[in-house]
Amino acid sequence: MKRSLPPLLALRAFESAARHLSFTKAGEELHVTQAAISRQVKLLEEYLNTSLFNRLTRHVELTPFGRTYLDTITAALDLIEQVSNEHLHKAPKLAISILPSTGALWLQQKMMEFSCIYPEIRLDVSSSLDPVIWNDGNHNFDLAIRLGKLPGATYDRNAPQLTFTMTDDWTGIAAVHLWDDYVTPFCTKKFLAKHGPFDSAKDLKRVTLLYNNFRPDIWPAWLRANGAEEVCAAARLDFSHSFLVANAMRSGLGMACLSKVEIDPTDWRDELVQPFDSCIQSAGVYYLLTPQEKLQSHDVQLFLHWLKGLYSG
């Protein structure tokens, strides 16, 4: 049987306005304009075919029916809030630290898919480039996604180097391989049509190159690997994160050399081209880090399986 209910947004607007006796304060609380609150209240009054407020010169006051209606709506919303909070506190939670650039470019959005598939698992997501500190009192991460080198492993000295420290203490920490890190130049199709063709890496001297200050040797390593170490670009723009480099590249400001993991899974990948076939592997890997005792837990395994399925490399 279909329910006959008033508009739920209008109910929220009314409850807030009635509690504050102010459309302006209700707008501030709900992050909308005073006019939007007024429209929602008017919509509710039209639905009920009665006035909820007396609108005076400098303030509003509830009508007798408005006071009765507020009591009923408040009780209903309190019950909904109570039941929802009880469920949230019972639901298992995964606290995850992800990298800012992969998060901003595509991973944060994709996590909504995980929540839809597994609504019983509540995700608590934050982003950072800092080394993961496990259970330090301020953070209590279950999982972390990081890019870097494993202790004791050897890497190609000519490859793009990574100076990130993934964690300060590897004791009891499992590192699960997610994706190899291959870097290559990217630009938009419009940029290629305007400035191309690029028959060799030496043609990059005609254009602006976009650099990531956290990984400054990506361009030098790629140019060196492609016999163009001496190339001096027409101009250079520097940014503090890969996602800022990617946004500048999408805006047509220049050519970017980025990790394929950062770009290939994005929803806007079709806007771009790789003007060169050459991809080089960096001296590091994307890992999922977790305390060893948590690795085989049901929720962690579900998330790991889902995460690996997002990108095949």
Protein backbone atom coordinates (compact mmCIF):
# COMPACT_ATOMS: atom_id res chain seq x y z
CA MET A 1 0.00 0.00 0.00
CA LYS A 2 1.43 3.37 -1.04
CA ARG A 3 2.02 5.75 1.86
CA SER A 4 0.52 9.22 1.80
CA LEU A 5 3.31 11.33 3.28
CA PRO A 6 4.22 15.00 3.07
CA PRO A 7 7.50 15.91 1.30
CA LEU A 8 10.32 14.75 3.56
CA LEU A 9 12.60 17.69 2.72
CA ALA A 10 9.78 20.02 3.70
CA LEU A 11 9.41 18.21 7.03
CA ARG A 12 13.11 18.69 7.80
CA ALA A 13 12.91 22.38 6.86
CA PHE A 14 9.84 22.88 9.03
CA GLU A 15 11.31 21.07 12.04
CA SER A 16 14.50 23.13 11.92
CA ALA A 17 12.69 26.44 11.35
CA ALA A 18 10.21 25.67 14.13
CA ARG A 19 12.96 24.67 16.56
CA HIS A 20 14.91 27.88 15.89
CA LEU A 21 11.86 30.06 15.18
CA SER A 22 14.00 31.38 12.34
CA PHE A 23 14.12 30.54 8.64
CA THR A 24 17.60 32.04 8.47
CA LYS A 25 19.04 29.83 11.24
CA ALA A 26 17.32 26.79 9.72
CA GLY A 27 19.02 27.55 6.42
CA GLU A 28 22.39 27.77 8.14
CA GLU A 29 21.81 24.45 9.90
CA LEU A 30 20.74 22.64 6.70
CA HIS A 31 23.26 24.46 4.46
CA VAL A 32 20.64 26.05 2.21
CA THR A 33 19.35 29.57 1.77
CA GLN A 34 16.66 31.22 3.87
CA ALA A 35 14.55 31.39 0.70
CA ALA A 36 14.87 27.61 0.22
CA ILE A 37 13.58 27.01 3.77
CA SER A 38 10.69 29.39 3.12
CA ARG A 39 9.76 27.54 -0.07
CA GLN A 40 9.83 24.15 1.66
CA VAL A 41 7.67 25.37 4.54
CA LYS A 42 5.21 26.90 2.08
CA LEU A 43 5.10 23.58 0.22
CA LEU A 44 4.30 21.76 3.47
CA GLU A 45 1.59 24.28 4.36
CA GLU A 46 0.01 23.79 0.94
CA TYR A 47 0.12 20.02 1.42
CA LEU A 48 -1.55 20.32 4.85
CA ASN A 49 -3.84 23.09 3.68
CA THR A 50 -3.14 25.09 6.84
CA SER A 51 -0.64 27.62 8.19
CA LEU A 52 2.21 26.46 10.38
CA PHE A 53 3.72 29.87 11.11
CA ASN A 54 2.49 33.37 11.73
CA ARG A 55 4.89 35.54 9.74
CA LEU A 56 5.46 38.77 11.66
CA THR A 57 7.60 41.78 10.79
CA ARG A 58 10.88 40.67 12.37
CA HIS A 59 10.23 37.08 13.37
CA VAL A 60 7.94 34.08 12.99
CA GLU A 61 5.91 32.21 15.53
CA LEU A 62 4.15 28.85 15.38
CA THR A 63 0.41 28.63 14.99
CA PRO A 64 -1.42 26.40 17.46
CA PHE A 65 -1.48 23.61 14.86
CA GLY A 66 2.19 24.30 14.09
CA ARG A 67 3.12 23.66 17.76
CA THR A 68 1.17 20.38 17.81
CA TYR A 69 2.64 19.32 14.45
CA LEU A 70 6.18 20.13 15.66
CA ASP A 71 5.77 17.84 18.69
CA THR A 72 4.67 14.97 16.45
CA ILE A 73 7.39 15.50 13.82
CA THR A 74 10.09 15.85 16.51
CA ALA A 75 9.06 12.55 18.10
CA ALA A 76 9.11 10.79 14.71
CA LEU A 77 12.52 12.19 13.74
CA ASP A 78 13.95 11.35 17.17
CA LEU A 79 12.85 7.74 16.73
CA ILE A 80 14.34 7.53 13.22
CA GLU A 81 17.62 9.03 14.49
CA GLN A 82 17.76 6.63 17.44
CA VAL A 83 17.15 3.50 15.35
CA SER A 84 19.65 4.64 12.69
CA ASN A 85 22.38 5.38 15.25
CA GLU A 86 21.83 2.05 16.97
CA HIS A 87 22.31 0.28 13.65
CA LEU A 88 25.42 2.30 12.77
CA HIS A 89 27.06 1.51 16.09
CA LYS A 90 26.35 -2.19 15.62
CA ALA A 91 27.51 -2.32 11.98
CA PRO A 92 31.10 -3.46 11.44
CA LYS A 93 33.38 -0.59 10.47
CA LEU A 94 36.47 -0.54 8.27
CA ALA A 95 38.73 2.44 8.90
CA ILE A 96 40.74 3.04 5.72
CA SER A 97 43.50 5.52 4.88
CA ILE A 98 43.88 6.16 1.15
CA LEU A 99 46.19 8.31 -0.97
CA PRO A 100 44.93 11.82 -1.79
CA SER A 101 45.39 11.61 -5.55
CA THR A 102 43.87 8.20 -6.23
CA GLY A 103 41.13 9.14 -3.79
CA ALA A 104 40.37 12.48 -5.43
CA LEU A 105 40.60 11.15 -8.99
CA TRP A 106 38.48 7.98 -8.71
CA LEU A 107 38.77 5.76 -5.63
CA GLN A 108 36.64 7.87 -3.27
CA GLN A 109 33.73 7.80 -5.75
CA LYS A 110 34.09 4.07 -6.34
CA MET A 111 33.82 3.39 -2.62
CA MET A 112 30.15 4.30 -2.87
CA GLU A 113 29.78 1.16 -4.98
CA PHE A 114 31.28 -0.94 -2.20
CA SER A 115 28.83 0.55 0.30
CA CYS A 116 25.94 -0.29 -2.03
CA ILE A 117 27.13 -3.88 -2.47
CA TYR A 118 27.92 -4.39 1.24
CA PRO A 119 25.67 -1.97 3.15
CA GLU A 120 26.30 -3.92 6.35
CA ILE A 121 29.94 -2.70 6.38
CA ARG A 122 30.45 0.93 7.32
CA LEU A 123 33.49 2.61 5.76
CA ASP A 124 35.43 5.30 7.62
CA VAL A 125 37.69 6.82 4.97
CA SER A 126 40.47 9.39 5.30
CA SER A 127 43.31 10.39 2.99
CA SER A 128 46.97 11.07 3.66
CA LEU A 129 50.47 10.71 2.25
CA ASP A 130 51.93 10.32 5.73
CA PRO A 131 53.37 7.05 7.00
CA VAL A 132 50.66 4.96 8.62
CA ILE A 133 50.90 4.81 12.40
CA TRP A 134 48.82 1.92 13.70
CA ASN A 135 46.78 2.35 16.87
CA ASP A 136 48.50 5.52 18.06
CA GLY A 137 45.51 6.69 20.05
CA ASN A 138 44.46 9.23 17.44
CA HIS A 139 44.06 6.81 14.54
CA ASN A 140 42.98 3.22 14.53
CA PHE A 141 43.22 2.13 10.90
CA ASP A 142 42.23 -1.31 9.70
CA LEU A 143 43.63 -0.79 6.21
CA ALA A 144 45.84 1.65 4.34
CA ILE A 145 46.58 2.03 0.63
CA ARG A 146 50.09 3.30 0.02
CA LEU A 147 52.63 3.57 -2.78
CA GLY A 148 56.22 2.78 -1.95
CA LYS A 149 59.02 0.31 -1.42
CA LEU A 150 59.12 -2.73 0.82
CA PRO A 151 61.96 -2.97 3.35
CA GLY A 152 64.93 -4.83 1.91
CA ALA A 153 63.59 -4.96 -1.66
CA THR A 154 65.77 -3.77 -4.55
CA TYR A 155 64.55 -1.54 -7.35
CA ASP A 156 65.86 -0.18 -10.65
CA ARG A 157 67.93 2.93 -9.91
CA ASN A 158 67.01 4.41 -13.30
CA ALA A 159 63.29 4.12 -12.62
CA PRO A 160 61.23 6.97 -11.18
CA GLN A 161 62.06 6.88 -7.50
CA LEU A 162 59.66 7.02 -4.57
CA THR A 163 60.63 8.74 -1.35
CA PHE A 164 57.37 8.00 0.47
CA THR A 165 57.59 6.05 3.71
CA MET A 166 54.57 3.75 3.88
CA THR A 167 54.75 3.04 7.63
CA ASP A 168 57.19 3.77 10.44
CA ASP A 169 56.86 0.32 11.96
CA TRP A 170 56.52 -2.86 9.87
CA THR A 171 56.18 -5.15 12.87
CA GLY A 172 53.20 -7.44 12.28
CA ILE A 173 52.12 -5.57 9.14
CA ALA A 174 51.06 -7.42 5.98
CA ALA A 175 51.62 -5.75 2.60
CA VAL A 176 49.35 -7.06 -0.18
CA HIS A 177 50.34 -6.21 -3.75
CA LEU A 178 47.61 -4.22 -5.47
CA TRP A 179 49.00 -2.62 -8.62
CA ASP A 180 52.38 -2.05 -10.23
CA ASP A 181 53.13 1.60 -10.85
CA TYR A 182 53.65 2.42 -14.53
CA VAL A 183 54.02 6.03 -15.62
CA THR A 184 53.51 7.56 -19.06
CA PRO A 185 52.60 10.94 -20.57
CA PHE A 186 48.93 11.88 -20.96
CA CYS A 187 47.16 14.77 -22.63
CA THR A 188 43.67 15.58 -23.84
CA LYS A 189 42.57 14.77 -27.38
CA LYS A 190 42.13 18.52 -28.01
CA PHE A 191 45.68 19.18 -26.81
CA LEU A 192 47.04 16.52 -29.15
CA ALA A 193 45.08 17.93 -32.10
CA LYS A 194 46.41 21.42 -31.38
CA HIS A 195 50.06 20.64 -30.56
CA GLY A 196 50.71 17.23 -32.11
CA PRO A 197 51.71 15.01 -33.65
CA PHE A 198 54.43 13.82 -31.29
CA ASP A 199 56.63 11.50 -33.30
CA SER A 200 59.28 11.23 -30.60
CA ALA A 201 59.86 12.30 -27.03
CA LYS A 202 62.04 15.15 -28.34
CA ASP A 203 58.91 16.82 -29.72
CA LEU A 204 57.91 17.61 -26.14
CA LYS A 205 60.20 20.66 -26.29
CA ARG A 206 57.29 22.43 -28.07
CA VAL A 207 54.84 22.19 -25.16
CA THR A 208 54.33 22.87 -21.47
CA LEU A 209 55.14 19.98 -19.14
CA LEU A 210 53.22 19.59 -15.89
CA TYR A 211 55.19 18.40 -12.85
CA ASN A 212 54.17 16.87 -9.51
CA ASN A 213 56.41 18.22 -6.74
CA PHE A 214 55.95 15.06 -4.68
CA ARG A 215 57.32 12.97 -7.55
CA PRO A 216 59.68 15.37 -9.35
CA ASP A 217 61.72 12.74 -11.17
CA ILE A 218 58.87 11.16 -13.16
CA TRP A 219 59.46 13.36 -16.20
CA PRO A 220 63.30 13.14 -16.07
CA ALA A 221 63.17 9.33 -15.75
CA TRP A 222 60.67 8.94 -18.60
CA LEU A 223 62.60 11.32 -20.87
CA ARG A 224 65.86 9.53 -20.04
CA ALA A 225 64.29 6.15 -20.84
CA ASN A 226 63.15 7.51 -24.21
CA GLY A 227 66.40 9.09 -25.34
CA ALA A 228 65.33 12.68 -24.70
CA GLU A 229 67.12 13.49 -21.45
CA GLU A 230 68.28 16.83 -22.83
CA VAL A 231 64.79 18.04 -23.76
CA CYS A 232 63.94 21.44 -22.32
CA ALA A 233 60.19 22.08 -22.48
CA ALA A 234 58.72 25.34 -23.77
CA ALA A 235 57.38 25.91 -20.25
CA ARG A 236 56.91 24.11 -16.97
CA LEU A 237 54.14 24.21 -14.37
CA ASP A 238 54.56 22.65 -10.92
CA PHE A 239 51.80 21.30 -8.66
CA SER A 240 51.74 19.80 -5.19
CA HIS A 241 49.71 16.65 -5.96
CA SER A 242 49.04 14.32 -8.87
CA PHE A 243 45.33 15.13 -8.88
CA LEU A 244 46.18 18.82 -9.42
CA VAL A 245 48.46 17.86 -12.29
CA ALA A 246 45.66 15.74 -13.76
CA ASN A 247 43.15 18.58 -13.44
CA ALA A 248 45.54 20.99 -15.15
CA MET A 249 46.13 18.46 -17.93
CA ARG A 250 42.36 18.00 -18.41
CA SER A 251 42.08 21.79 -18.70
CA GLY A 252 44.56 21.74 -21.59
CA LEU A 253 47.39 23.48 -19.75
CA GLY A 254 50.02 20.97 -20.81
CA MET A 255 51.27 17.40 -20.98
CA ALA A 256 51.41 15.36 -17.75
CA CYS A 257 53.42 12.28 -16.88
CA LEU A 258 51.29 10.31 -14.45
CA SER A 259 50.74 6.88 -13.02
CA LYS A 260 48.35 4.76 -15.07
CA VAL A 261 46.74 3.65 -11.80
CA GLU A 262 45.73 7.27 -11.22
CA ILE A 263 44.25 7.82 -14.67
CA ASP A 264 42.99 4.61 -16.29
CA PRO A 265 40.10 3.93 -13.84
CA THR A 266 38.68 7.47 -14.04
CA ASP A 267 35.26 8.11 -15.53
CA TRP A 268 36.78 10.68 -17.92
CA ARG A 269 39.58 8.49 -19.31
CA ASP A 270 38.07 8.72 -22.82
CA GLU A 271 38.91 12.43 -22.90
CA LEU A 272 42.61 11.57 -22.91
CA VAL A 273 45.24 9.97 -25.06
CA GLN A 274 48.66 8.46 -24.43
CA PRO A 275 50.69 10.09 -27.20
CA PHE A 276 53.55 7.60 -26.70
CA ASP A 277 53.58 3.82 -26.39
CA SER A 278 56.34 3.90 -23.78
CA CYS A 279 55.36 3.19 -20.16
CA ILE A 280 58.07 2.81 -17.54
CA GLN A 281 57.74 1.09 -14.19
CA SER A 282 58.61 3.10 -11.11
CA ALA A 283 60.66 1.90 -8.16
CA GLY A 284 57.64 1.11 -6.06
CA VAL A 285 54.26 -0.63 -5.91
CA TYR A 286 50.75 0.13 -4.66
CA TYR A 287 50.11 -1.94 -1.54
CA LEU A 288 47.26 -2.56 0.83
CA LEU A 289 48.67 -2.53 4.34
CA THR A 290 46.93 -4.11 7.31
CA PRO A 291 47.90 -5.67 10.63
CA GLN A 292 48.63 -9.35 10.06
CA GLU A 293 45.86 -10.49 12.42
CA LYS A 294 43.23 -8.58 10.41
CA LEU A 295 44.25 -9.77 6.96
CA GLN A 296 42.07 -12.89 6.91
CA SER A 297 39.02 -11.27 8.46
CA HIS A 298 35.84 -11.54 6.41
CA ASP A 299 35.36 -7.78 5.92
CA VAL A 300 38.99 -7.12 4.97
CA GLN A 301 38.94 -9.96 2.43
CA LEU A 302 35.71 -8.64 0.91
CA PHE A 303 37.22 -5.17 0.55
CA LEU A 304 40.51 -6.52 -0.82
CA HIS A 305 38.73 -8.65 -3.45
CA TRP A 306 36.56 -5.69 -4.47
CA LEU A 307 39.54 -3.32 -4.59
CA LYS A 308 41.63 -5.59 -6.80
CA GLY A 309 38.72 -5.85 -9.20
CA LEU A 310 38.65 -2.09 -9.80
CA TYR A 311 41.81 -2.04 -11.87
CA SER A 312 43.70 -4.86 -13.52
CA GLY A 313 46.80 -2.87 -14.45
